[in-house]
């Protein structure tokens, strides 16, 4: 269960095709779900995880 008492967080995002991306380069969601990328075991961060909260514009 996510904690709601962690303070104010800023989620920076450069995925302009997501409907939650704002003009200042931030995510407009209060929180995101980070999910593992299926079948990627390279050890590189970009290959291992993805934003599960992504929605196409």
N, C-alpha and C. Protein backbone atom coordinates (compact mmCIF):
# COMPACT_ATOMS: atom_id res chain seq x y z
N UNK A 1 0.84 -1.18 0.00
CA UNK A 1 0.00 0.00 0.00
C UNK A 1 0.89 1.24 0.00
N UNK A 2 0.71 2.17 -0.94
CA UNK A 2 1.51 3.40 -0.97
C UNK A 2 1.27 4.25 0.26
N UNK A 3 2.32 4.92 0.70
CA UNK A 3 2.19 5.82 1.84
C UNK A 3 1.73 7.18 1.36
N UNK A 4 0.83 7.78 2.07
CA UNK A 4 0.35 9.11 1.69
C UNK A 4 0.95 10.19 2.58
N UNK A 5 1.82 9.81 3.51
CA UNK A 5 2.39 10.79 4.43
C UNK A 5 3.85 11.11 4.12
N UNK A 6 4.26 10.93 2.88
CA UNK A 6 5.66 11.14 2.53
C UNK A 6 5.97 12.57 2.10
N UNK A 7 5.02 13.46 2.12
CA UNK A 7 5.26 14.85 1.75
C UNK A 7 4.88 15.12 0.31
N UNK A 8 5.38 16.23 -0.18
CA UNK A 8 5.07 16.65 -1.55
C UNK A 8 6.15 16.16 -2.49
N UNK A 9 5.76 15.37 -3.45
CA UNK A 9 6.71 14.85 -4.42
C UNK A 9 6.44 15.47 -5.78
N UNK A 10 7.48 15.58 -6.56
CA UNK A 10 7.36 16.06 -7.93
C UNK A 10 7.78 14.92 -8.84
N UNK A 11 6.91 14.54 -9.74
CA UNK A 11 7.22 13.48 -10.69
C UNK A 11 7.57 14.15 -12.01
N UNK A 12 8.85 14.15 -12.36
CA UNK A 12 9.28 14.72 -13.62
C UNK A 12 9.09 13.69 -14.71
N UNK A 13 8.68 14.13 -15.89
CA UNK A 13 8.39 13.22 -16.98
C UNK A 13 8.66 13.90 -18.32
N UNK A 14 9.25 13.16 -19.23
CA UNK A 14 9.52 13.70 -20.57
C UNK A 14 8.78 12.92 -21.66
N UNK A 15 7.77 12.14 -21.27
CA UNK A 15 7.00 11.34 -22.23
C UNK A 15 5.81 12.18 -22.69
N UNK A 16 6.01 12.95 -23.75
CA UNK A 16 4.99 13.89 -24.20
C UNK A 16 3.76 13.21 -24.80
N UNK A 17 3.84 11.92 -25.13
CA UNK A 17 2.68 11.22 -25.67
C UNK A 17 1.70 10.78 -24.59
N UNK A 18 2.08 10.95 -23.30
CA UNK A 18 1.21 10.56 -22.20
C UNK A 18 0.22 11.68 -21.89
N UNK A 19 -1.01 11.32 -21.63
CA UNK A 19 -2.04 12.33 -21.35
C UNK A 19 -1.81 13.06 -20.02
N UNK A 20 -0.96 12.51 -19.15
CA UNK A 20 -0.69 13.14 -17.86
C UNK A 20 0.53 14.06 -17.88
N UNK A 21 1.24 14.14 -19.00
CA UNK A 21 2.41 15.02 -19.14
C UNK A 21 1.93 16.46 -19.28
N UNK A 22 2.49 17.37 -18.46
CA UNK A 22 2.09 18.77 -18.58
C UNK A 22 3.16 19.57 -19.32
N UNK A 23 2.86 20.81 -19.59
CA UNK A 23 3.76 21.67 -20.38
C UNK A 23 5.06 22.00 -19.67
N UNK A 24 5.14 21.77 -18.37
CA UNK A 24 6.36 22.04 -17.60
C UNK A 24 7.24 20.80 -17.45
N UNK A 25 6.89 19.72 -18.12
CA UNK A 25 7.69 18.51 -18.04
C UNK A 25 7.46 17.71 -16.78
N UNK A 26 6.27 17.80 -16.22
CA UNK A 26 5.92 17.06 -15.01
C UNK A 26 4.71 16.18 -15.27
N UNK A 27 4.57 15.18 -14.42
CA UNK A 27 3.40 14.31 -14.45
C UNK A 27 2.31 14.95 -13.61
N UNK A 28 1.09 15.01 -14.13
CA UNK A 28 0.00 15.65 -13.40
C UNK A 28 -0.69 14.70 -12.41
N UNK A 29 -0.27 13.44 -12.37
CA UNK A 29 -0.83 12.49 -11.41
C UNK A 29 -0.22 12.71 -10.02
N UNK A 30 -0.96 12.38 -8.98
CA UNK A 30 -0.44 12.44 -7.61
C UNK A 30 0.58 11.35 -7.34
N UNK A 31 0.44 10.24 -8.04
CA UNK A 31 1.36 9.12 -7.89
C UNK A 31 1.34 8.32 -9.18
N UNK A 32 2.37 7.52 -9.39
CA UNK A 32 2.44 6.64 -10.54
C UNK A 32 2.72 5.22 -10.06
N UNK A 33 2.43 4.28 -10.91
CA UNK A 33 2.74 2.88 -10.64
C UNK A 33 3.92 2.50 -11.53
N UNK A 34 5.05 2.13 -10.93
CA UNK A 34 6.21 1.67 -11.68
C UNK A 34 6.13 0.16 -11.76
N UNK A 35 6.25 -0.36 -12.97
CA UNK A 35 6.10 -1.79 -13.20
C UNK A 35 7.33 -2.35 -13.90
N UNK A 36 7.61 -3.64 -13.71
CA UNK A 36 8.73 -4.26 -14.41
C UNK A 36 8.39 -4.43 -15.90
N UNK A 37 9.39 -4.32 -16.73
CA UNK A 37 9.23 -4.57 -18.15
C UNK A 37 9.36 -6.08 -18.37
N UNK A 38 8.39 -6.69 -19.02
CA UNK A 38 8.45 -8.14 -19.21
C UNK A 38 9.67 -8.56 -20.03
N UNK A 39 10.32 -9.61 -19.59
CA UNK A 39 11.41 -10.25 -20.31
C UNK A 39 12.63 -9.36 -20.54
N UNK A 40 12.85 -8.38 -19.71
CA UNK A 40 14.04 -7.54 -19.83
C UNK A 40 14.89 -7.74 -18.58
N UNK A 41 16.01 -8.39 -18.75
CA UNK A 41 16.89 -8.69 -17.62
C UNK A 41 18.30 -8.20 -17.91
N UNK A 42 18.41 -6.96 -18.36
CA UNK A 42 19.72 -6.42 -18.73
C UNK A 42 20.43 -5.75 -17.56
N UNK A 43 19.68 -5.36 -16.54
CA UNK A 43 20.26 -4.61 -15.44
C UNK A 43 20.27 -3.11 -15.69
N UNK A 44 19.87 -2.68 -16.87
CA UNK A 44 19.80 -1.25 -17.20
C UNK A 44 18.42 -0.72 -16.79
N UNK A 45 18.41 0.41 -16.09
CA UNK A 45 17.15 0.96 -15.57
C UNK A 45 16.09 1.16 -16.66
N UNK A 46 16.49 1.65 -17.82
CA UNK A 46 15.54 1.91 -18.90
C UNK A 46 14.92 0.62 -19.44
N UNK A 47 15.63 -0.49 -19.30
CA UNK A 47 15.12 -1.76 -19.79
C UNK A 47 14.30 -2.51 -18.75
N UNK A 48 14.50 -2.23 -17.48
CA UNK A 48 13.92 -3.02 -16.40
C UNK A 48 12.57 -2.52 -15.91
N UNK A 49 12.26 -1.23 -16.08
CA UNK A 49 11.03 -0.70 -15.51
C UNK A 49 10.33 0.25 -16.47
N UNK A 50 9.04 0.45 -16.22
CA UNK A 50 8.24 1.36 -17.03
C UNK A 50 7.11 1.94 -16.19
N UNK A 51 6.53 3.01 -16.66
CA UNK A 51 5.42 3.63 -15.95
C UNK A 51 4.13 2.88 -16.28
N UNK A 52 3.55 2.27 -15.29
CA UNK A 52 2.30 1.54 -15.47
C UNK A 52 1.09 2.45 -15.51
N UNK A 53 1.29 3.74 -15.20
CA UNK A 53 0.19 4.69 -15.18
C UNK A 53 0.02 5.41 -16.54
N UNK A 54 0.88 5.09 -17.51
CA UNK A 54 0.87 5.73 -18.82
C UNK A 54 -0.48 5.56 -19.51
N UNK A 55 -0.98 6.65 -20.06
CA UNK A 55 -2.18 6.64 -20.91
C UNK A 55 -1.89 7.50 -22.13
N UNK A 56 -2.16 6.98 -23.31
CA UNK A 56 -1.92 7.73 -24.54
C UNK A 56 -2.89 8.91 -24.63
N UNK A 57 -2.41 10.03 -25.16
CA UNK A 57 -3.25 11.24 -25.31
C UNK A 57 -4.43 10.98 -26.17
